Amino acid sequence: MPLRSGGNLIAAKAQETVVPGQKVAASIVADLATQLLTIGSRISELDARITSTFGSHPQAEIIESLPAMGPILGAELIAAAGDLNGYVNAGRLASAAGLVPVPRDSGRRTGNLHRPMRYSRKLRRVFYLSASSAMMREGPNRDYYLKKRGQGHGHVQALIALARRRVDVLWALLRDNRPFEVAPPARQQMTRTA
C-alpha cells in the first residue's frame, strides 16, 4: 500500500519517542556547527589578508593576469620561489619546480630522462594547480592540453607539459613587465637607416 506524504508528516510530528543520548547528540552537533562557522569566518579573514598582502607585491598585477593564477596561488608562488629575479631564465624556474626532466644516463645508455629527485614541491604544486585550473577553460591553455593529449600523453603528462609552458609565459611576462593578453603583442617593424 503506497504511503502518502501528508500522512507521513502527520505521523512524524505525532511521534514522542526519545532516543537515549538524543539531547547530548544535539548539543554536540550544535557545538560542531558553531565551530565550523567560526572556522569559515577565520578562513575568509585570512584570504582577505593574503589577497591584500599579495596585492602590495610589485609584480602581483602581472602574476594575477595569467589565467588561473589568482591571489592565493600568486602568494604561494612568491612564498615558494622567493625573489623571481634570482632565476636566470625560465628553464631555471621550471627546474626548481621539478617540471624539467633530468638525465639518468649510464655508461652505455643515453637519453634516459626521469623526474628530478630534488625540487620544490610547493613550487611544483603552484604550477600544477594553475595548469589544472587553466586547462578547464576554453582558450590557448586548453588547446595546448588537448594537443598534448592528442600526441598520446596521459592526463598528468599533459598537465605537466602545460605547467612547463605556463612557466615560460609567466617568465616572459615578468621579463617584459607587462600583463597577460590572449593575443600576442604586435611586433614592431625595424626600419633600416642608410
C-alpha atoms as a PDB file:
ATOM      1  CA  MET A   1       0.000   0.000   0.000  1.00  0.00           C
ATOM      2  CA  PRO A   2       1.615   3.332  -1.040  1.00  0.00           C
ATOM      3  CA  LEU A   3       2.182   5.937   1.634  1.00  0.00           C
ATOM      4  CA  ARG A   4       1.024   9.475   1.109  1.00  0.00           C
ATOM      5  CA  SER A   5       3.333  12.334   2.038  1.00  0.00           C
ATOM      6  CA  GLY A   6       0.659  14.174   4.024  1.00  0.00           C
ATOM      7  CA  GLY A   7       0.095  11.151   6.250  1.00  0.00           C
ATOM      8  CA  ASN A   8       3.830  10.682   6.775  1.00  0.00           C
ATOM      9  CA  LEU A   9       4.280  14.222   8.040  1.00  0.00           C
ATOM     10  CA  ILE A  10       1.397  13.881  10.479  1.00  0.00           C
ATOM     11  CA  ALA A  11       2.803  10.570  11.758  1.00  0.00           C
ATOM     12  CA  ALA A  12       6.304  12.045  12.140  1.00  0.00           C
ATOM     13  CA  LYS A  13       5.002  15.007  14.148  1.00  0.00           C
ATOM     14  CA  ALA A  14       2.937  12.705  16.379  1.00  0.00           C
ATOM     15  CA  GLN A  15       5.955  10.639  17.472  1.00  0.00           C
ATOM     16  CA  GLU A  16       7.051  11.210  21.016  1.00  0.00           C
ATOM     17  CA  THR A  17       9.792   8.614  21.186  1.00  0.00           C
ATOM     18  CA  VAL A  18      13.002   9.935  22.738  1.00  0.00           C
ATOM     19  CA  VAL A  19      16.223   8.116  21.949  1.00  0.00           C
ATOM     20  CA  PRO A  20      18.760   7.858  24.802  1.00  0.00           C
ATOM     21  CA  GLY A  21      21.537  10.407  24.262  1.00  0.00           C
ATOM     22  CA  GLN A  22      19.465  12.495  21.874  1.00  0.00           C
ATOM     23  CA  LYS A  23      19.987  15.716  23.849  1.00  0.00           C
ATOM     24  CA  VAL A  24      23.746  15.082  24.132  1.00  0.00           C
ATOM     25  CA  ALA A  25      23.993  14.396  20.397  1.00  0.00           C
ATOM     26  CA  ALA A  26      22.024  17.576  19.642  1.00  0.00           C
ATOM     27  CA  SER A  27      24.356  19.679  21.794  1.00  0.00           C
ATOM     28  CA  ILE A  28      27.439  18.136  20.130  1.00  0.00           C
ATOM     29  CA  VAL A  29      26.036  18.865  16.658  1.00  0.00           C
ATOM     30  CA  ALA A  30      25.243  22.447  17.677  1.00  0.00           C
ATOM     31  CA  ASP A  31      28.778  22.874  19.064  1.00  0.00           C
ATOM     32  CA  LEU A  32      30.358  21.486  15.880  1.00  0.00           C
ATOM     33  CA  ALA A  33      28.204  23.756  13.715  1.00  0.00           C
ATOM     34  CA  THR A  34      29.327  26.772  15.743  1.00  0.00           C
ATOM     35  CA  GLN A  35      32.975  25.752  15.354  1.00  0.00           C
ATOM     36  CA  LEU A  36      32.561  25.307  11.588  1.00  0.00           C
ATOM     37  CA  LEU A  37      31.029  28.756  11.240  1.00  0.00           C
ATOM     38  CA  THR A  38      33.925  30.222  13.247  1.00  0.00           C
ATOM     39  CA  ILE A  39      36.473  28.419  11.075  1.00  0.00           C
ATOM     40  CA  GLY A  40      34.701  29.607   7.912  1.00  0.00           C
ATOM     41  CA  SER A  41      34.846  33.238   9.014  1.00  0.00           C
ATOM     42  CA  ARG A  42      38.526  32.832  10.014  1.00  0.00           C
ATOM     43  CA  ILE A  43      39.341  31.415   6.577  1.00  0.00           C
ATOM     44  CA  SER A  44      37.599  34.373   4.932  1.00  0.00           C
ATOM     45  CA  GLU A  45      39.634  36.795   7.064  1.00  0.00           C
ATOM     46  CA  LEU A  46      42.893  35.041   6.170  1.00  0.00           C
ATOM     47  CA  ASP A  47      42.018  35.012   2.454  1.00  0.00           C
ATOM     48  CA  ALA A  48      41.398  38.763   2.602  1.00  0.00           C
ATOM     49  CA  ARG A  49      44.720  39.297   4.387  1.00  0.00           C
ATOM     50  CA  ILE A  50      46.639  37.163   1.892  1.00  0.00           C
ATOM     51  CA  THR A  51      44.988  38.977  -1.017  1.00  0.00           C
ATOM     52  CA  SER A  52      45.834  42.419   0.357  1.00  0.00           C
ATOM     53  CA  THR A  53      49.419  41.425   1.224  1.00  0.00           C
ATOM     54  CA  PHE A  54      49.974  39.866  -2.197  1.00  0.00           C
ATOM     55  CA  GLY A  55      48.419  42.902  -3.871  1.00  0.00           C
ATOM     56  CA  SER A  56      51.206  45.067  -2.463  1.00  0.00           C
ATOM     57  CA  HIS A  57      53.883  42.970  -4.217  1.00  0.00           C
ATOM     58  CA  PRO A  58      55.366  44.866  -7.206  1.00  0.00           C
ATOM     59  CA  GLN A  59      54.728  42.000  -9.644  1.00  0.00           C
ATOM     60  CA  ALA A  60      51.309  40.980  -8.306  1.00  0.00           C
ATOM     61  CA  GLU A  61      49.345  42.504 -11.184  1.00  0.00           C
ATOM     62  CA  ILE A  62      51.445  40.672 -13.770  1.00  0.00           C
ATOM     63  CA  ILE A  63      51.243  37.341 -11.936  1.00  0.00           C
ATOM     64  CA  GLU A  64      47.475  37.626 -11.441  1.00  0.00           C
ATOM     65  CA  SER A  65      46.943  38.481 -15.114  1.00  0.00           C
ATOM     66  CA  LEU A  66      47.954  34.940 -16.088  1.00  0.00           C
ATOM     67  CA  PRO A  67      44.736  32.884 -16.422  1.00  0.00           C
ATOM     68  CA  ALA A  68      44.009  30.645 -13.401  1.00  0.00           C
ATOM     69  CA  MET A  69      46.621  32.403 -11.275  1.00  0.00           C
ATOM     70  CA  GLY A  70      44.703  34.224  -8.549  1.00  0.00           C
ATOM     71  CA  PRO A  71      45.942  35.971  -5.438  1.00  0.00           C
ATOM     72  CA  ILE A  72      46.212  32.793  -3.347  1.00  0.00           C
ATOM     73  CA  LEU A  73      48.292  30.867  -5.913  1.00  0.00           C
ATOM     74  CA  GLY A  74      50.251  34.038  -6.649  1.00  0.00           C
ATOM     75  CA  ALA A  75      51.091  34.410  -2.969  1.00  0.00           C
ATOM     76  CA  GLU A  76      52.104  30.741  -2.842  1.00  0.00           C
ATOM     77  CA  LEU A  77      54.330  31.326  -5.885  1.00  0.00           C
ATOM     78  CA  ILE A  78      56.099  34.245  -4.224  1.00  0.00           C
ATOM     79  CA  ALA A  79      56.439  32.312  -0.958  1.00  0.00           C
ATOM     80  CA  ALA A  80      57.825  29.205  -2.685  1.00  0.00           C
ATOM     81  CA  ALA A  81      60.059  30.880  -5.270  1.00  0.00           C
ATOM     82  CA  GLY A  82      61.224  33.877  -3.289  1.00  0.00           C
ATOM     83  CA  ASP A  83      62.683  36.622  -5.452  1.00  0.00           C
ATOM     84  CA  LEU A  84      61.798  35.732  -9.034  1.00  0.00           C
ATOM     85  CA  ASN A  85      64.728  37.838 -10.256  1.00  0.00           C
ATOM     86  CA  GLY A  86      67.024  35.236  -8.690  1.00  0.00           C
ATOM     87  CA  TYR A  87      66.309  32.806 -11.520  1.00  0.00           C
ATOM     88  CA  VAL A  88      68.453  33.345 -14.598  1.00  0.00           C
ATOM     89  CA  ASN A  89      65.816  32.165 -17.070  1.00  0.00           C
ATOM     90  CA  ALA A  90      62.516  30.288 -17.323  1.00  0.00           C
ATOM     91  CA  GLY A  91      64.332  26.969 -17.508  1.00  0.00           C
ATOM     92  CA  ARG A  92      65.853  27.534 -14.063  1.00  0.00           C
ATOM     93  CA  LEU A  93      62.458  28.345 -12.571  1.00  0.00           C
ATOM     94  CA  ALA A  94      60.925  25.273 -14.235  1.00  0.00           C
ATOM     95  CA  SER A  95      63.824  23.154 -12.992  1.00  0.00           C
ATOM     96  CA  ALA A  96      63.332  24.439  -9.445  1.00  0.00           C
ATOM     97  CA  ALA A  97      59.674  23.403  -9.754  1.00  0.00           C
ATOM     98  CA  GLY A  98      60.614  19.925 -10.990  1.00  0.00           C
ATOM     99  CA  LEU A  99      58.958  20.429 -14.368  1.00  0.00           C
ATOM    100  CA  VAL A 100      62.095  19.661 -16.406  1.00  0.00           C
ATOM    101  CA  PRO A 101      63.244  16.038 -16.752  1.00  0.00           C
ATOM    102  CA  VAL A 102      66.835  15.306 -15.787  1.00  0.00           C
ATOM    103  CA  PRO A 103      69.091  12.708 -17.411  1.00  0.00           C
ATOM    104  CA  ARG A 104      69.808   9.391 -15.716  1.00  0.00           C
ATOM    105  CA  ASP A 105      72.439   8.195 -18.127  1.00  0.00           C
ATOM    106  CA  SER A 106      74.880   5.393 -17.540  1.00  0.00           C
ATOM    107  CA  GLY A 107      77.972   4.369 -19.462  1.00  0.00           C
ATOM    108  CA  ARG A 108      76.054   2.797 -22.349  1.00  0.00           C
ATOM    109  CA  ARG A 109      72.623   4.374 -22.103  1.00  0.00           C
ATOM    110  CA  THR A 110      71.933   7.966 -23.023  1.00  0.00           C
ATOM    111  CA  GLY A 111      68.733   9.965 -23.272  1.00  0.00           C
ATOM    112  CA  ASN A 112      67.267   8.271 -20.196  1.00  0.00           C
ATOM    113  CA  LEU A 113      65.221  11.093 -18.649  1.00  0.00           C
ATOM    114  CA  HIS A 114      63.274  10.966 -15.391  1.00  0.00           C
ATOM    115  CA  ARG A 115      61.590  13.229 -12.882  1.00  0.00           C
ATOM    116  CA  PRO A 116      64.132  15.015 -10.692  1.00  0.00           C
ATOM    117  CA  MET A 117      64.522  13.977  -7.072  1.00  0.00           C
ATOM    118  CA  ARG A 118      65.299  17.449  -5.758  1.00  0.00           C
ATOM    119  CA  TYR A 119      62.855  20.208  -6.450  1.00  0.00           C
ATOM    120  CA  SER A 120      60.474  22.485  -4.603  1.00  0.00           C
ATOM    121  CA  ARG A 121      57.242  20.583  -4.067  1.00  0.00           C
ATOM    122  CA  LYS A 122      55.495  23.827  -3.157  1.00  0.00           C
ATOM    123  CA  LEU A 123      56.555  25.482  -6.400  1.00  0.00           C
ATOM    124  CA  ARG A 124      55.536  22.439  -8.428  1.00  0.00           C
ATOM    125  CA  ARG A 125      52.139  22.453  -6.678  1.00  0.00           C
ATOM    126  CA  VAL A 126      51.558  26.088  -7.650  1.00  0.00           C
ATOM    127  CA  PHE A 127      52.213  25.499 -11.346  1.00  0.00           C
ATOM    128  CA  TYR A 128      50.364  22.159 -11.382  1.00  0.00           C
ATOM    129  CA  LEU A 129      47.230  23.626  -9.768  1.00  0.00           C
ATOM    130  CA  SER A 130      47.409  26.639 -12.040  1.00  0.00           C
ATOM    131  CA  ALA A 131      47.684  24.429 -15.134  1.00  0.00           C
ATOM    132  CA  SER A 132      44.894  22.202 -13.863  1.00  0.00           C
ATOM    133  CA  SER A 133      42.562  25.182 -13.476  1.00  0.00           C
ATOM    134  CA  ALA A 134      43.637  26.798 -16.742  1.00  0.00           C
ATOM    135  CA  MET A 135      43.012  23.731 -18.892  1.00  0.00           C
ATOM    136  CA  MET A 136      39.362  23.603 -17.828  1.00  0.00           C
ATOM    137  CA  ARG A 137      38.528  26.898 -19.540  1.00  0.00           C
ATOM    138  CA  GLU A 138      38.332  27.493 -23.274  1.00  0.00           C
ATOM    139  CA  GLY A 139      41.405  29.151 -24.705  1.00  0.00           C
ATOM    140  CA  PRO A 140      45.063  28.558 -25.530  1.00  0.00           C
ATOM    141  CA  ASN A 141      45.779  26.586 -22.341  1.00  0.00           C
ATOM    142  CA  ARG A 142      43.034  24.057 -23.055  1.00  0.00           C
ATOM    143  CA  ASP A 143      44.091  23.864 -26.704  1.00  0.00           C
ATOM    144  CA  TYR A 144      47.678  23.075 -25.680  1.00  0.00           C
ATOM    145  CA  TYR A 145      46.490  20.454 -23.172  1.00  0.00           C
ATOM    146  CA  LEU A 146      44.297  18.788 -25.808  1.00  0.00           C
ATOM    147  CA  LYS A 147      47.178  18.893 -28.296  1.00  0.00           C
ATOM    148  CA  LYS A 148      49.385  17.013 -25.819  1.00  0.00           C
ATOM    149  CA  ARG A 149      46.604  14.509 -25.163  1.00  0.00           C
ATOM    150  CA  GLY A 150      46.294  14.040 -28.925  1.00  0.00           C
ATOM    151  CA  GLN A 151      50.013  13.276 -29.083  1.00  0.00           C
ATOM    152  CA  GLY A 152      49.448  10.311 -26.779  1.00  0.00           C
ATOM    153  CA  HIS A 153      50.391  11.859 -23.455  1.00  0.00           C
ATOM    154  CA  GLY A 154      48.437  10.888 -20.358  1.00  0.00           C
ATOM    155  CA  HIS A 155      46.493  13.404 -18.292  1.00  0.00           C
ATOM    156  CA  VAL A 156      49.300  14.076 -15.795  1.00  0.00           C
ATOM    157  CA  GLN A 157      51.964  14.300 -18.512  1.00  0.00           C
ATOM    158  CA  ALA A 158      49.853  16.770 -20.476  1.00  0.00           C
ATOM    159  CA  LEU A 159      49.266  18.861 -17.340  1.00  0.00           C
ATOM    160  CA  ILE A 160      52.983  18.926 -16.561  1.00  0.00           C
ATOM    161  CA  ALA A 161      53.717  19.986 -20.145  1.00  0.00           C
ATOM    162  CA  LEU A 162      51.127  22.761 -19.785  1.00  0.00           C
ATOM    163  CA  ALA A 163      52.613  23.785 -16.430  1.00  0.00           C
ATOM    164  CA  ARG A 164      56.065  23.983 -18.043  1.00  0.00           C
ATOM    165  CA  ARG A 165      54.689  26.133 -20.834  1.00  0.00           C
ATOM    166  CA  ARG A 166      52.991  28.418 -18.294  1.00  0.00           C
ATOM    167  CA  VAL A 167      56.355  28.904 -16.575  1.00  0.00           C
ATOM    168  CA  ASP A 168      57.735  30.175 -19.892  1.00  0.00           C
ATOM    169  CA  VAL A 169      54.767  32.524 -20.362  1.00  0.00           C
ATOM    170  CA  LEU A 170      54.983  33.862 -16.814  1.00  0.00           C
ATOM    171  CA  TRP A 171      58.716  34.370 -17.153  1.00  0.00           C
ATOM    172  CA  ALA A 172      58.246  36.331 -20.393  1.00  0.00           C
ATOM    173  CA  LEU A 173      55.557  38.495 -18.768  1.00  0.00           C
ATOM    174  CA  LEU A 174      57.794  39.273 -15.795  1.00  0.00           C
ATOM    175  CA  ARG A 175      60.782  39.941 -18.058  1.00  0.00           C
ATOM    176  CA  ASP A 176      58.796  42.342 -20.258  1.00  0.00           C
ATOM    177  CA  ASN A 177      56.936  43.803 -17.258  1.00  0.00           C
ATOM    178  CA  ARG A 178      53.538  43.511 -18.927  1.00  0.00           C
ATOM    179  CA  PRO A 179      50.255  41.747 -18.101  1.00  0.00           C
ATOM    180  CA  PHE A 180      48.982  38.692 -19.966  1.00  0.00           C
ATOM    181  CA  GLU A 181      46.912  39.194 -23.121  1.00  0.00           C
ATOM    182  CA  VAL A 182      45.342  36.416 -25.177  1.00  0.00           C
ATOM    183  CA  ALA A 183      46.651  37.924 -28.417  1.00  0.00           C
ATOM    184  CA  PRO A 184      50.468  38.121 -28.580  1.00  0.00           C
ATOM    185  CA  PRO A 185      51.930  41.623 -28.646  1.00  0.00           C
ATOM    186  CA  ALA A 186      52.440  43.150 -32.075  1.00  0.00           C
ATOM    187  CA  ARG A 187      55.969  43.144 -33.385  1.00  0.00           C
ATOM    188  CA  GLN A 188      57.468  46.464 -34.247  1.00  0.00           C
ATOM    189  CA  GLN A 189      58.892  46.876 -37.698  1.00  0.00           C
ATOM    190  CA  MET A 190      62.560  47.730 -37.734  1.00  0.00           C
ATOM    191  CA  THR A 191      63.496  50.400 -40.229  1.00  0.00           C
ATOM    192  CA  ARG A 192      66.872  50.444 -41.831  1.00  0.00           C
ATOM    193  CA  THR A 193      68.775  53.644 -41.865  1.00  0.00           C
ATOM    194  CA  ALA A 194      71.336  54.195 -44.556  1.00  0.00           C
END
